[in-house]
Amino acid sequence: YVEMNQTVITIYPHLKISKMYNFSFTEENCQVLEQSLEN
């Protein structure tokens, strides 16, 4: 679990995936980090 700049990235090494959650949004915005982290 990595938290920086109101953003949380959770990295699952065993599954080779990661998800992102941004606190600046009013609702959860989970996405695979292969997509760009706009704004």
Full PDB file with SEQRES, HELIX, SHEET, SSBOND, CRYST1, ORIGX, SCALE, CONECT and MASTER records, all heavy atoms in Angstrom:
SEQRES   1 A   39  TYR VAL GLU MET ASN GLN THR VAL ILE THR ILE TYR PRO          
SEQRES   2 A   39  HIS LEU LYS ILE SER LYS MET TYR ASN PHE SER PHE THR          
SEQRES   3 A   39  GLU GLU ASN CYS GLN VAL LEU GLU GLN SER LEU GLU ASN          
SHEET    1 AA1 3 VAL A   2  MET A   4  0                                        
SHEET    2 AA1 3 THR A   7  TYR A  12 -1                                        
SHEET    3 AA1 3 ILE A  17  ASN A  22 -1                                        
CRYST1    1.000    1.000    1.000  90.00  90.00  90.00 P 1           1          
ORIGX1      1.000000  0.000000  0.000000        0.00000                         
ORIGX2      0.000000  1.000000  0.000000        0.00000                         
ORIGX3      0.000000  0.000000  1.000000        0.00000                         
SCALE1      1.000000  0.000000  0.000000        0.00000                         
SCALE2      0.000000  1.000000  0.000000        0.00000                         
SCALE3      0.000000  0.000000  1.000000        0.00000                         
ATOM      1  N   TYR A   1       0.871  -1.169   0.000  1.00  0.00           N  
ATOM      2  CA  TYR A   1       0.000   0.000   0.000  1.00  0.00           C  
ATOM      3  C   TYR A   1       0.912   1.224   0.000  1.00  0.00           C  
ATOM      4  O   TYR A   1       1.727   1.400   0.900  1.00  0.00           O  
ATOM      5  CB  TYR A   1      -0.871  -0.042   1.249  1.00  0.00           C  
ATOM      6  CG  TYR A   1      -1.641   1.212   1.575  1.00  0.00           C  
ATOM      7  CD1 TYR A   1      -2.982   1.330   1.237  1.00  0.00           C  
ATOM      8  CD2 TYR A   1      -1.042   2.268   2.265  1.00  0.00           C  
ATOM      9  CE1 TYR A   1      -3.702   2.475   1.567  1.00  0.00           C  
ATOM     10  CE2 TYR A   1      -1.754   3.410   2.593  1.00  0.00           C  
ATOM     11  CZ  TYR A   1      -3.078   3.507   2.239  1.00  0.00           C  
ATOM     12  OH  TYR A   1      -3.786   4.635   2.570  1.00  0.00           O  
ATOM     13  N   VAL A   2       0.786   2.059  -1.035  1.00  0.00           N  
ATOM     14  CA  VAL A   2       1.619   3.250  -1.156  1.00  0.00           C  
ATOM     15  C   VAL A   2       0.698   4.454  -1.241  1.00  0.00           C  
ATOM     16  O   VAL A   2      -0.158   4.532  -2.128  1.00  0.00           O  
ATOM     17  CB  VAL A   2       2.509   3.188  -2.423  1.00  0.00           C  
ATOM     18  CG1 VAL A   2       3.376   4.428  -2.534  1.00  0.00           C  
ATOM     19  CG2 VAL A   2       3.358   1.926  -2.415  1.00  0.00           C  
ATOM     20  N   GLU A   3       0.858   5.410  -0.315  1.00  0.00           N  
ATOM     21  CA  GLU A   3       0.047   6.625  -0.327  1.00  0.00           C  
ATOM     22  C   GLU A   3       0.957   7.821  -0.550  1.00  0.00           C  
ATOM     23  O   GLU A   3       1.930   8.029   0.172  1.00  0.00           O  
ATOM     24  CB  GLU A   3      -0.685   6.776   1.000  1.00  0.00           C  
ATOM     25  CG  GLU A   3      -1.588   7.981   1.047  1.00  0.00           C  
ATOM     26  CD  GLU A   3      -2.301   8.113   2.385  1.00  0.00           C  
ATOM     27  OE1 GLU A   3      -2.574   7.089   3.034  1.00  0.00           O  
ATOM     28  OE2 GLU A   3      -2.556   9.261   2.785  1.00  0.00           O  
ATOM     29  N   MET A   4       0.654   8.591  -1.611  1.00  0.00           N  
ATOM     30  CA  MET A   4       1.379   9.825  -1.935  1.00  0.00           C  
ATOM     31  C   MET A   4       0.400  10.802  -2.573  1.00  0.00           C  
ATOM     32  O   MET A   4      -0.412  10.397  -3.408  1.00  0.00           O  
ATOM     33  CB  MET A   4       2.496   9.561  -2.958  1.00  0.00           C  
ATOM     34  CG  MET A   4       3.657   8.751  -2.475  1.00  0.00           C  
ATOM     35  SD  MET A   4       4.969   8.696  -3.713  1.00  0.00           S  
ATOM     36  CE  MET A   4       4.647   7.116  -4.476  1.00  0.00           C  
ATOM     37  N   ASN A   5       0.473  12.060  -2.202  1.00  0.00           N  
ATOM     38  CA  ASN A   5      -0.318  13.113  -2.857  1.00  0.00           C  
ATOM     39  C   ASN A   5      -1.796  12.774  -2.991  1.00  0.00           C  
ATOM     40  O   ASN A   5      -2.365  12.875  -4.059  1.00  0.00           O  
ATOM     41  CB  ASN A   5       0.243  13.415  -4.247  1.00  0.00           C  
ATOM     42  CG  ASN A   5       1.665  13.885  -4.198  1.00  0.00           C  
ATOM     43  OD1 ASN A   5       2.135  14.374  -3.174  1.00  0.00           O  
ATOM     44  ND2 ASN A   5       2.381  13.722  -5.295  1.00  0.00           N  
ATOM     45  N   GLN A   6      -2.434  12.384  -1.912  1.00  0.00           N  
ATOM     46  CA  GLN A   6      -3.857  12.043  -1.881  1.00  0.00           C  
ATOM     47  C   GLN A   6      -4.196  10.896  -2.828  1.00  0.00           C  
ATOM     48  O   GLN A   6      -5.336  10.758  -3.262  1.00  0.00           O  
ATOM     49  CB  GLN A   6      -4.729  13.258  -2.208  1.00  0.00           C  
ATOM     50  CG  GLN A   6      -4.608  14.369  -1.193  1.00  0.00           C  
ATOM     51  CD  GLN A   6      -5.581  15.489  -1.475  1.00  0.00           C  
ATOM     52  OE1 GLN A   6      -5.940  15.760  -2.611  1.00  0.00           O  
ATOM     53  NE2 GLN A   6      -6.014  16.144  -0.420  1.00  0.00           N  
ATOM     54  N   THR A   7      -3.219  10.093  -3.166  1.00  0.00           N  
ATOM     55  CA  THR A   7      -3.438   8.956  -4.050  1.00  0.00           C  
ATOM     56  C   THR A   7      -2.888   7.702  -3.384  1.00  0.00           C  
ATOM     57  O   THR A   7      -1.808   7.725  -2.811  1.00  0.00           O  
ATOM     58  CB  THR A   7      -2.737   9.171  -5.403  1.00  0.00           C  
ATOM     59  OG1 THR A   7      -3.213  10.391  -5.983  1.00  0.00           O  
ATOM     60  CG2 THR A   7      -3.007   8.034  -6.362  1.00  0.00           C  
ATOM     61  N   VAL A   8      -3.645   6.630  -3.468  1.00  0.00           N  
ATOM     62  CA  VAL A   8      -3.214   5.340  -2.945  1.00  0.00           C  
ATOM     63  C   VAL A   8      -3.036   4.383  -4.104  1.00  0.00           C  
ATOM     64  O   VAL A   8      -3.917   4.246  -4.953  1.00  0.00           O  
ATOM     65  CB  VAL A   8      -4.248   4.765  -1.942  1.00  0.00           C  
ATOM     66  CG1 VAL A   8      -3.881   3.331  -1.566  1.00  0.00           C  
ATOM     67  CG2 VAL A   8      -4.328   5.623  -0.710  1.00  0.00           C  
ATOM     68  N   ILE A   9      -1.879   3.753  -4.142  1.00  0.00           N  
ATOM     69  CA  ILE A   9      -1.611   2.712  -5.124  1.00  0.00           C  
ATOM     70  C   ILE A   9      -1.402   1.438  -4.336  1.00  0.00           C  
ATOM     71  O   ILE A   9      -0.607   1.401  -3.403  1.00  0.00           O  
ATOM     72  CB  ILE A   9      -0.358   3.012  -5.974  1.00  0.00           C  
ATOM     73  CG1 ILE A   9      -0.537   4.295  -6.770  1.00  0.00           C  
ATOM     74  CG2 ILE A   9      -0.064   1.858  -6.915  1.00  0.00           C  
ATOM     75  CD1 ILE A   9       0.118   5.466  -6.158  1.00  0.00           C  
ATOM     76  N   THR A  10      -2.132   0.401  -4.680  1.00  0.00           N  
ATOM     77  CA  THR A  10      -1.947  -0.896  -4.046  1.00  0.00           C  
ATOM     78  C   THR A  10      -1.342  -1.826  -5.081  1.00  0.00           C  
ATOM     79  O   THR A  10      -1.907  -2.023  -6.152  1.00  0.00           O  
ATOM     80  CB  THR A  10      -3.274  -1.462  -3.518  1.00  0.00           C  
ATOM     81  OG1 THR A  10      -3.881  -0.480  -2.669  1.00  0.00           O  
ATOM     82  CG2 THR A  10      -3.051  -2.726  -2.723  1.00  0.00           C  
ATOM     83  N   ILE A  11      -0.184  -2.380  -4.752  1.00  0.00           N  
ATOM     84  CA  ILE A  11       0.539  -3.247  -5.678  1.00  0.00           C  
ATOM     85  C   ILE A  11       0.456  -4.671  -5.143  1.00  0.00           C  
ATOM     86  O   ILE A  11       0.752  -4.921  -3.972  1.00  0.00           O  
ATOM     87  CB  ILE A  11       2.015  -2.811  -5.807  1.00  0.00           C  
ATOM     88  CG1 ILE A  11       2.075  -1.351  -6.282  1.00  0.00           C  
ATOM     89  CG2 ILE A  11       2.777  -3.730  -6.750  1.00  0.00           C  
ATOM     90  CD1 ILE A  11       3.458  -0.736  -6.212  1.00  0.00           C  
ATOM     91  N   TYR A  12       0.039  -5.578  -5.991  1.00  0.00           N  
ATOM     92  CA  TYR A  12      -0.069  -6.989  -5.646  1.00  0.00           C  
ATOM     93  C   TYR A  12       1.005  -7.746  -6.414  1.00  0.00           C  
ATOM     94  O   TYR A  12       0.766  -8.205  -7.538  1.00  0.00           O  
ATOM     95  CB  TYR A  12      -1.449  -7.526  -6.011  1.00  0.00           C  
ATOM     96  CG  TYR A  12      -2.587  -6.792  -5.346  1.00  0.00           C  
ATOM     97  CD1 TYR A  12      -3.153  -5.662  -5.935  1.00  0.00           C  
ATOM     98  CD2 TYR A  12      -3.093  -7.228  -4.132  1.00  0.00           C  
ATOM     99  CE1 TYR A  12      -4.194  -4.987  -5.313  1.00  0.00           C  
ATOM    100  CE2 TYR A  12      -4.140  -6.562  -3.516  1.00  0.00           C  
ATOM    101  CZ  TYR A  12      -4.685  -5.437  -4.121  1.00  0.00           C  
ATOM    102  OH  TYR A  12      -5.711  -4.772  -3.506  1.00  0.00           O  
ATOM    103  N   PRO A  13       2.219  -7.873  -5.846  1.00  0.00           N  
ATOM    104  CA  PRO A  13       3.314  -8.496  -6.600  1.00  0.00           C  
ATOM    105  C   PRO A  13       3.005  -9.915  -7.073  1.00  0.00           C  
ATOM    106  O   PRO A  13       3.363 -10.290  -8.182  1.00  0.00           O  
ATOM    107  CB  PRO A  13       4.485  -8.501  -5.602  1.00  0.00           C  
ATOM    108  CG  PRO A  13       4.170  -7.405  -4.660  1.00  0.00           C  
ATOM    109  CD  PRO A  13       2.677  -7.396  -4.551  1.00  0.00           C  
ATOM    110  N   HIS A  14       2.333 -10.712  -6.231  1.00  0.00           N  
ATOM    111  CA  HIS A  14       2.036 -12.096  -6.603  1.00  0.00           C  
ATOM    112  C   HIS A  14       1.132 -12.153  -7.830  1.00  0.00           C  
ATOM    113  O   HIS A  14       1.276 -13.011  -8.687  1.00  0.00           O  
ATOM    114  CB  HIS A  14       1.395 -12.821  -5.417  1.00  0.00           C  
ATOM    115  CG  HIS A  14       1.140 -14.270  -5.652  1.00  0.00           C  
ATOM    116  ND1 HIS A  14       2.154 -15.192  -5.794  1.00  0.00           N  
ATOM    117  CD2 HIS A  14      -0.015 -14.961  -5.795  1.00  0.00           C  
ATOM    118  CE1 HIS A  14       1.633 -16.388  -6.004  1.00  0.00           C  
ATOM    119  NE2 HIS A  14       0.319 -16.278  -6.007  1.00  0.00           N  
ATOM    120  N   LEU A  15       0.192 -11.206  -7.916  1.00  0.00           N  
ATOM    121  CA  LEU A  15      -0.745 -11.170  -9.048  1.00  0.00           C  
ATOM    122  C   LEU A  15      -0.230 -10.312 -10.202  1.00  0.00           C  
ATOM    123  O   LEU A  15      -0.832 -10.277 -11.256  1.00  0.00           O  
ATOM    124  CB  LEU A  15      -2.100 -10.628  -8.584  1.00  0.00           C  
ATOM    125  CG  LEU A  15      -2.788 -11.401  -7.470  1.00  0.00           C  
ATOM    126  CD1 LEU A  15      -4.046 -10.671  -7.015  1.00  0.00           C  
ATOM    127  CD2 LEU A  15      -3.135 -12.806  -7.938  1.00  0.00           C  
ATOM    128  N   LYS A  16       0.863  -9.588  -9.971  1.00  0.00           N  
ATOM    129  CA  LYS A  16       1.468  -8.711 -10.978  1.00  0.00           C  
ATOM    130  C   LYS A  16       0.507  -7.621 -11.446  1.00  0.00           C  
ATOM    131  O   LYS A  16       0.472  -7.260 -12.620  1.00  0.00           O  
ATOM    132  CB  LYS A  16       1.984  -9.517 -12.170  1.00  0.00           C  
ATOM    133  CG  LYS A  16       3.092 -10.487 -11.803  1.00  0.00           C  
ATOM    134  CD  LYS A  16       3.549 -11.255 -13.018  1.00  0.00           C  
ATOM    135  CE  LYS A  16       4.751 -12.126 -12.775  1.00  0.00           C  
ATOM    136  NZ  LYS A  16       4.906 -12.812 -11.553  1.00  0.00           N  
ATOM    137  N   ILE A  17      -0.315  -7.101 -10.518  1.00  0.00           N  
ATOM    138  CA  ILE A  17      -1.242  -6.018 -10.860  1.00  0.00           C  
ATOM    139  C   ILE A  17      -1.165  -4.934  -9.791  1.00  0.00           C  
ATOM    140  O   ILE A  17      -0.617  -5.134  -8.713  1.00  0.00           O  
ATOM    141  CB  ILE A  17      -2.706  -6.502 -10.989  1.00  0.00           C  
ATOM    142  CG1 ILE A  17      -3.214  -7.072  -9.664  1.00  0.00           C  
ATOM    143  CG2 ILE A  17      -2.867  -7.476 -12.136  1.00  0.00           C  
ATOM    144  CD1 ILE A  17      -4.714  -7.293  -9.639  1.00  0.00           C  
ATOM    145  N   SER A  18      -1.737  -3.785 -10.109  1.00  0.00           N  
ATOM    146  CA  SER A  18      -1.827  -2.690  -9.161  1.00  0.00           C  
ATOM    147  C   SER A  18      -3.112  -1.922  -9.398  1.00  0.00           C  
ATOM    148  O   SER A  18      -3.653  -1.928 -10.491  1.00  0.00           O  
ATOM    149  CB  SER A  18      -0.637  -1.758  -9.290  1.00  0.00           C  
ATOM    150  OG  SER A  18       0.011  -1.925 -10.493  1.00  0.00           O  
ATOM    151  N   LYS A  19      -3.595  -1.273  -8.345  1.00  0.00           N  
ATOM    152  CA  LYS A  19      -4.817  -0.469  -8.441  1.00  0.00           C  
ATOM    153  C   LYS A  19      -4.567   0.875  -7.799  1.00  0.00           C  
ATOM    154  O   LYS A  19      -3.755   0.996  -6.892  1.00  0.00           O  
ATOM    155  CB  LYS A  19      -5.978  -1.179  -7.752  1.00  0.00           C  
ATOM    156  CG  LYS A  19      -6.404  -2.448  -8.465  1.00  0.00           C  
ATOM    157  CD  LYS A  19      -7.643  -3.034  -7.860  1.00  0.00           C  
ATOM    158  CE  LYS A  19      -8.058  -4.260  -8.657  1.00  0.00           C  
ATOM    159  NZ  LYS A  19      -9.259  -4.884  -8.113  1.00  0.00           N  
ATOM    160  N   MET A  20      -5.280   1.893  -8.281  1.00  0.00           N  
ATOM    161  CA  MET A  20      -5.094   3.248  -7.795  1.00  0.00           C  
ATOM    162  C   MET A  20      -6.418   3.804  -7.287  1.00  0.00           C  
ATOM    163  O   MET A  20      -7.475   3.537  -7.835  1.00  0.00           O  
ATOM    164  CB  MET A  20      -4.581   4.121  -8.944  1.00  0.00           C  
ATOM    165  CG  MET A  20      -4.181   5.514  -8.531  1.00  0.00           C  
ATOM    166  SD  MET A  20      -5.361   6.828  -8.869  1.00  0.00           S  
ATOM    167  CE  MET A  20      -5.754   6.672 -10.557  1.00  0.00           C  
ATOM    168  N   TYR A  21      -6.336   4.558  -6.176  1.00  0.00           N  
ATOM    169  CA  TYR A  21      -7.491   5.229  -5.602  1.00  0.00           C  
ATOM    170  C   TYR A  21      -7.070   6.655  -5.295  1.00  0.00           C  
ATOM    171  O   TYR A  21      -6.049   6.873  -4.664  1.00  0.00           O  
ATOM    172  CB  TYR A  21      -7.928   4.508  -4.320  1.00  0.00           C  
ATOM    173  CG  TYR A  21      -8.977   5.228  -3.529  1.00  0.00           C  
ATOM    174  CD1 TYR A  21     -10.316   5.141  -3.875  1.00  0.00           C  
ATOM    175  CD2 TYR A  21      -8.637   5.998  -2.428  1.00  0.00           C  
ATOM    176  CE1 TYR A  21     -11.290   5.800  -3.140  1.00  0.00           C  
ATOM    177  CE2 TYR A  21      -9.600   6.665  -1.688  1.00  0.00           C  
ATOM    178  CZ  TYR A  21     -10.921   6.556  -2.051  1.00  0.00           C  
ATOM    179  OH  TYR A  21     -11.883   7.212  -1.338  1.00  0.00           O  
ATOM    180  N   ASN A  22      -7.844   7.638  -5.778  1.00  0.00           N  
ATOM    181  CA  ASN A  22      -7.483   9.030  -5.577  1.00  0.00           C  
ATOM    182  C   ASN A  22      -8.457   9.677  -4.606  1.00  0.00           C  
ATOM    183  O   ASN A  22      -9.653   9.707  -4.839  1.00  0.00           O  
ATOM    184  CB  ASN A  22      -7.498   9.769  -6.922  1.00  0.00           C  
ATOM    185  CG  ASN A  22      -6.814  11.108  -6.837  1.00  0.00           C  
ATOM    186  OD1 ASN A  22      -6.973  11.829  -5.856  1.00  0.00           O  
ATOM    187  ND2 ASN A  22      -6.051  11.437  -7.854  1.00  0.00           N  
ATOM    188  N   PHE A  23      -7.927  10.203  -3.472  1.00  0.00           N  
ATOM    189  CA  PHE A  23      -8.768  10.830  -2.459  1.00  0.00           C  
ATOM    190  C   PHE A  23      -9.398  12.129  -2.942  1.00  0.00           C  
ATOM    191  O   PHE A  23     -10.348  12.608  -2.356  1.00  0.00           O  
ATOM    192  CB  PHE A  23      -7.955  11.149  -1.200  1.00  0.00           C  
ATOM    193  CG  PHE A  23      -7.527   9.940  -0.444  1.00  0.00           C  
ATOM    194  CD1 PHE A  23      -6.184   9.726  -0.175  1.00  0.00           C  
ATOM    195  CD2 PHE A  23      -8.448   9.011  -0.006  1.00  0.00           C  
ATOM    196  CE1 PHE A  23      -5.780   8.620   0.529  1.00  0.00           C  
ATOM    197  CE2 PHE A  23      -8.045   7.894   0.704  1.00  0.00           C  
ATOM    198  CZ  PHE A  23      -6.708   7.700   0.970  1.00  0.00           C  
ATOM    199  N   SER A  24      -8.857  12.744  -3.987  1.00  0.00           N  
ATOM    200  CA  SER A  24      -9.394  14.026  -4.428  1.00  0.00           C  
ATOM    201  C   SER A  24     -10.713  13.853  -5.180  1.00  0.00           C  
ATOM    202  O   SER A  24     -11.430  14.808  -5.401  1.00  0.00           O  
ATOM    203  CB  SER A  24      -8.380  14.764  -5.305  1.00  0.00           C  
ATOM    204  OG  SER A  24      -8.108  14.023  -6.465  1.00  0.00           O  
ATOM    205  N   PHE A  25     -11.039  12.627  -5.580  1.00  0.00           N  
ATOM    206  CA  PHE A  25     -12.327  12.368  -6.202  1.00  0.00           C  
ATOM    207  C   PHE A  25     -13.332  12.045  -5.118  1.00  0.00           C  
ATOM    208  O   PHE A  25     -12.984  11.593  -4.044  1.00  0.00           O  
ATOM    209  CB  PHE A  25     -12.249  11.191  -7.189  1.00  0.00           C  
ATOM    210  CG  PHE A  25     -11.296  11.424  -8.325  1.00  0.00           C  
ATOM    211  CD1 PHE A  25     -10.347  10.475  -8.643  1.00  0.00           C  
ATOM    212  CD2 PHE A  25     -11.330  12.598  -9.064  1.00  0.00           C  
ATOM    213  CE1 PHE A  25      -9.465  10.684  -9.687  1.00  0.00           C  
ATOM    214  CE2 PHE A  25     -10.451  12.809 -10.100  1.00  0.00           C  
ATOM    215  CZ  PHE A  25      -9.521  11.850 -10.414  1.00  0.00           C  
ATOM    216  N   THR A  26     -14.605  12.261  -5.403  1.00  0.00           N  
ATOM    217  CA  THR A  26     -15.616  11.988  -4.392  1.00  0.00           C  
ATOM    218  C   THR A  26     -15.951  10.510  -4.325  1.00  0.00           C  
ATOM    219  O   THR A  26     -16.530  10.053  -3.362  1.00  0.00           O  
ATOM    220  CB  THR A  26     -16.910  12.776  -4.702  1.00  0.00           C  
ATOM    221  OG1 THR A  26     -17.327  12.470  -6.032  1.00  0.00           O  
ATOM    222  CG2 THR A  26     -16.670  14.265  -4.554  1.00  0.00           C  
ATOM    223  N   GLU A  27     -15.639   9.767  -5.357  1.00  0.00           N  
ATOM    224  CA  GLU A  27     -15.911   8.334  -5.319  1.00  0.00           C  
ATOM    225  C   GLU A  27     -14.659   7.566  -5.713  1.00  0.00           C  
ATOM    226  O   GLU A  27     -13.723   8.124  -6.279  1.00  0.00           O  
ATOM    227  CB  GLU A  27     -17.071   7.970  -6.246  1.00  0.00           C  
ATOM    228  CG  GLU A  27     -16.850   8.354  -7.696  1.00  0.00           C  
ATOM    229  CD  GLU A  27     -18.108   8.179  -8.531  1.00  0.00           C  
ATOM    230  OE1 GLU A  27     -19.176   8.618  -8.096  1.00  0.00           O  
ATOM    231  OE2 GLU A  27     -17.991   7.590  -9.600  1.00  0.00           O  
ATOM    232  N   GLU A  28     -14.661   6.313  -5.413  1.00  0.00           N  
ATOM    233  CA  GLU A  28     -13.487   5.483  -5.675  1.00  0.00           C  
ATOM    234  C   GLU A  28     -13.220   5.388  -7.172  1.00  0.00           C  
ATOM    235  O   GLU A  28     -14.123   5.256  -7.979  1.00  0.00           O  
ATOM    236  CB  GLU A  28     -13.710   4.084  -5.090  1.00  0.00           C  
ATOM    237  CG  GLU A  28     -12.473   3.241  -5.125  1.00  0.00           C  
ATOM    238  CD  GLU A  28     -12.648   1.943  -4.370  1.00  0.00           C  
ATOM    239  OE1 GLU A  28     -13.484   1.871  -3.468  1.00  0.00           O  
ATOM    240  OE2 GLU A  28     -11.935   1.005  -4.722  1.00  0.00           O  
ATOM    241  N   ASN A  29     -11.970   5.508  -7.535  1.00  0.00           N  
ATOM    242  CA  ASN A  29     -11.565   5.433  -8.925  1.00  0.00           C  
ATOM    243  C   ASN A  29     -10.461   4.392  -9.041  1.00  0.00           C  
ATOM    244  O   ASN A  29      -9.288   4.719  -9.012  1.00  0.00           O  
ATOM    245  CB  ASN A  29     -11.068   6.807  -9.403  1.00  0.00           C  
ATOM    246  CG  ASN A  29     -10.576   6.763 -10.832  1.00  0.00           C  
ATOM    247  OD1 ASN A  29     -10.941   5.882 -11.597  1.00  0.00           O  
ATOM    248  ND2 ASN A  29      -9.730   7.716 -11.190  1.00  0.00           N  
ATOM    249  N   CYS A  30     -10.846   3.134  -9.083  1.00  0.00           N  
ATOM    250  CA  CYS A  30      -9.854   2.070  -9.172  1.00  0.00           C  
ATOM    251  C   CYS A  30      -9.563   1.790 -10.638  1.00  0.00           C  
ATOM    252  O   CYS A  30     -10.473   1.678 -11.451  1.00  0.00           O  
ATOM    253  CB  CYS A  30     -10.351   0.791  -8.511  1.00  0.00           C  
ATOM    254  SG  CYS A  30     -10.348   0.902  -6.720  1.00  0.00           S  
ATOM    255  N   GLN A  31      -8.303   1.699 -10.946  1.00  0.00           N  
ATOM    256  CA  GLN A  31      -7.926   1.365 -12.317  1.00  0.00           C  
ATOM    257  C   GLN A  31      -6.572   0.681 -12.285  1.00  0.00           C  
ATOM    258  O   GLN A  31      -5.805   0.855 -11.358  1.00  0.00           O  
ATOM    259  CB  GLN A  31      -7.861   2.608 -13.186  1.00  0.00           C  
ATOM    260  CG  GLN A  31      -6.856   3.649 -12.711  1.00  0.00           C  
ATOM    261  CD  GLN A  31      -6.925   4.907 -13.533  1.00  0.00           C  
ATOM    262  OE1 GLN A  31      -7.576   4.947 -14.549  1.00  0.00           O  
ATOM    263  NE2 GLN A  31      -6.247   5.936 -13.092  1.00  0.00           N  
ATOM    264  N   VAL A  32      -6.319  -0.102 -13.295  1.00  0.00           N  
ATOM    265  CA  VAL A  32      -5.018  -0.729 -13.413  1.00  0.00           C  
ATOM    266  C   VAL A  32      -4.041   0.352 -13.825  1.00  0.00           C  
ATOM    267  O   VAL A  32      -4.341   1.205 -14.652  1.00  0.00           O  
ATOM    268  CB  VAL A  32      -5.064  -1.864 -14.456  1.00  0.00           C  
ATOM    269  CG1 VAL A  32      -3.686  -2.452 -14.674  1.00  0.00           C  
ATOM    270  CG2 VAL A  32      -6.032  -2.948 -13.983  1.00  0.00           C  
ATOM    271  N   LEU A  33      -2.856   0.357 -13.242  1.00  0.00           N  
ATOM    272  CA  LEU A  33      -1.906   1.447 -13.450  1.00  0.00           C  
ATOM    273  C   LEU A  33      -1.312   1.487 -14.842  1.00  0.00           C  
ATOM    274  O   LEU A  33      -0.552   2.384 -15.154  1.00  0.00           O  
ATOM    275  CB  LEU A  33      -0.781   1.360 -12.420  1.00  0.00           C  
ATOM    276  CG  LEU A  33      -1.024   2.145 -11.158  1.00  0.00           C  
ATOM    277  CD1 LEU A  33       0.132   1.951 -10.204  1.00  0.00           C  
ATOM    278  CD2 LEU A  33      -1.227   3.608 -11.412  1.00  0.00           C  
ATOM    279  N   GLU A  34      -1.659   0.534 -15.703  1.00  0.00           N  
ATOM    280  CA  GLU A  34      -1.175   0.612 -17.075  1.00  0.00           C  
ATOM    281  C   GLU A  34      -1.790   1.839 -17.762  1.00  0.00           C  
ATOM    282  O   GLU A  34      -1.246   2.374 -18.700  1.00  0.00           O  
ATOM    283  CB  GLU A  34      -1.524  -0.665 -17.838  1.00  0.00           C  
ATOM    284  CG  GLU A  34      -0.697  -1.849 -17.378  1.00  0.00           C  
ATOM    285  CD  GLU A  34      -1.131  -3.153 -17.993  1.00  0.00           C  
ATOM    286  OE1 GLU A  34      -1.994  -3.135 -18.893  1.00  0.00           O  
ATOM    287  OE2 GLU A  34      -0.611  -4.197 -17.578  1.00  0.00           O  
ATOM    288  N   GLN A  35      -2.948   2.267 -17.282  1.00  0.00           N  
ATOM    289  CA  GLN A  35      -3.557   3.489 -17.785  1.00  0.00           C  
ATOM    290  C   GLN A  35      -2.827   4.671 -17.169  1.00  0.00           C  
ATOM    291  O   GLN A  35      -2.236   4.571 -16.114  1.00  0.00           O  
ATOM    292  CB  GLN A  35      -5.038   3.536 -17.404  1.00  0.00           C  
ATOM    293  CG  GLN A  35      -5.818   2.339 -17.913  1.00  0.00           C  
ATOM    294  CD  GLN A  35      -7.193   2.261 -17.274  1.00  0.00           C  
ATOM    295  OE1 GLN A  35      -7.567   3.109 -16.481  1.00  0.00           O  
ATOM    296  NE2 GLN A  35      -7.937   1.233 -17.621  1.00  0.00           N  
ATOM    297  N   SER A  36      -2.867   5.809 -17.815  1.00  0.00           N  
ATOM    298  CA  SER A  36      -2.160   6.974 -17.271  1.00  0.00           C  
ATOM    299  C   SER A  36      -2.910   7.525 -16.068  1.00  0.00           C  
ATOM    300  O   SER A  36      -4.115   7.403 -15.960  1.00  0.00           O  
ATOM    301  CB  SER A  36      -2.042   8.056 -18.342  1.00  0.00           C  
ATOM    302  OG  SER A  36      -3.330   8.545 -18.673  1.00  0.00           O  
ATOM    303  N   LEU A  37      -2.171   8.128 -15.156  1.00  0.00           N  
ATOM    304  CA  LEU A  37      -2.773   8.758 -13.983  1.00  0.00           C  
ATOM    305  C   LEU A  37      -2.997  10.224 -14.313  1.00  0.00           C  
ATOM    306  O   LEU A  37      -2.211  11.081 -13.955  1.00  0.00           O  
ATOM    307  CB  LEU A  37      -1.855   8.607 -12.769  1.00  0.00           C  
ATOM    308  CG  LEU A  37      -1.478   7.196 -12.355  1.00  0.00           C  
ATOM    309  CD1 LEU A  37      -0.523   7.236 -11.172  1.00  0.00           C  
ATOM    310  CD2 LEU A  37      -2.694   6.389 -12.003  1.00  0.00           C  
ATOM    311  N   GLU A  38      -4.076  10.524 -15.006  1.00  0.00           N  
ATOM    312  CA  GLU A  38      -4.350  11.888 -15.427  1.00  0.00           C  
ATOM    313  C   GLU A  38      -4.662  12.764 -14.222  1.00  0.00           C  
ATOM    314  O   GLU A  38      -5.195  12.306 -13.233  1.00  0.00           O  
ATOM    315  CB  GLU A  38      -5.528  11.899 -16.412  1.00  0.00           C  
ATOM    316  CG  GLU A  38      -5.208  11.179 -17.715  1.00  0.00           C  
ATOM    317  CD  GLU A  38      -6.396  11.177 -18.662  1.00  0.00           C  
ATOM    318  OE1 GLU A  38      -7.264  12.055 -18.523  1.00  0.00           O  
ATOM    319  OE2 GLU A  38      -6.434  10.305 -19.522  1.00  0.00           O  
ATOM    320  N   ASN A  39      -4.337  14.048 -14.335  1.00  0.00           N  
ATOM    321  CA  ASN A  39      -4.574  15.030 -13.277  1.00  0.00           C  
ATOM    322  C   ASN A  39      -3.954  14.609 -11.949  1.00  0.00           C  
ATOM    323  O   ASN A  39      -4.510  14.840 -10.900  1.00  0.00           O  
ATOM    324  CB  ASN A  39      -6.086  15.265 -13.078  1.00  0.00           C  
ATOM    325  CG  ASN A  39      -6.746  15.759 -14.349  1.00  0.00           C  
ATOM    326  OD1 ASN A  39      -6.140  16.520 -15.103  1.00  0.00           O  
ATOM    327  ND2 ASN A  39      -7.960  15.310 -14.595  1.00  0.00           N  
TER     328      ASN A  39                                                      
MASTER        0    0    0    0    3    0    0    6  327    1    0    3          
END                                                                             
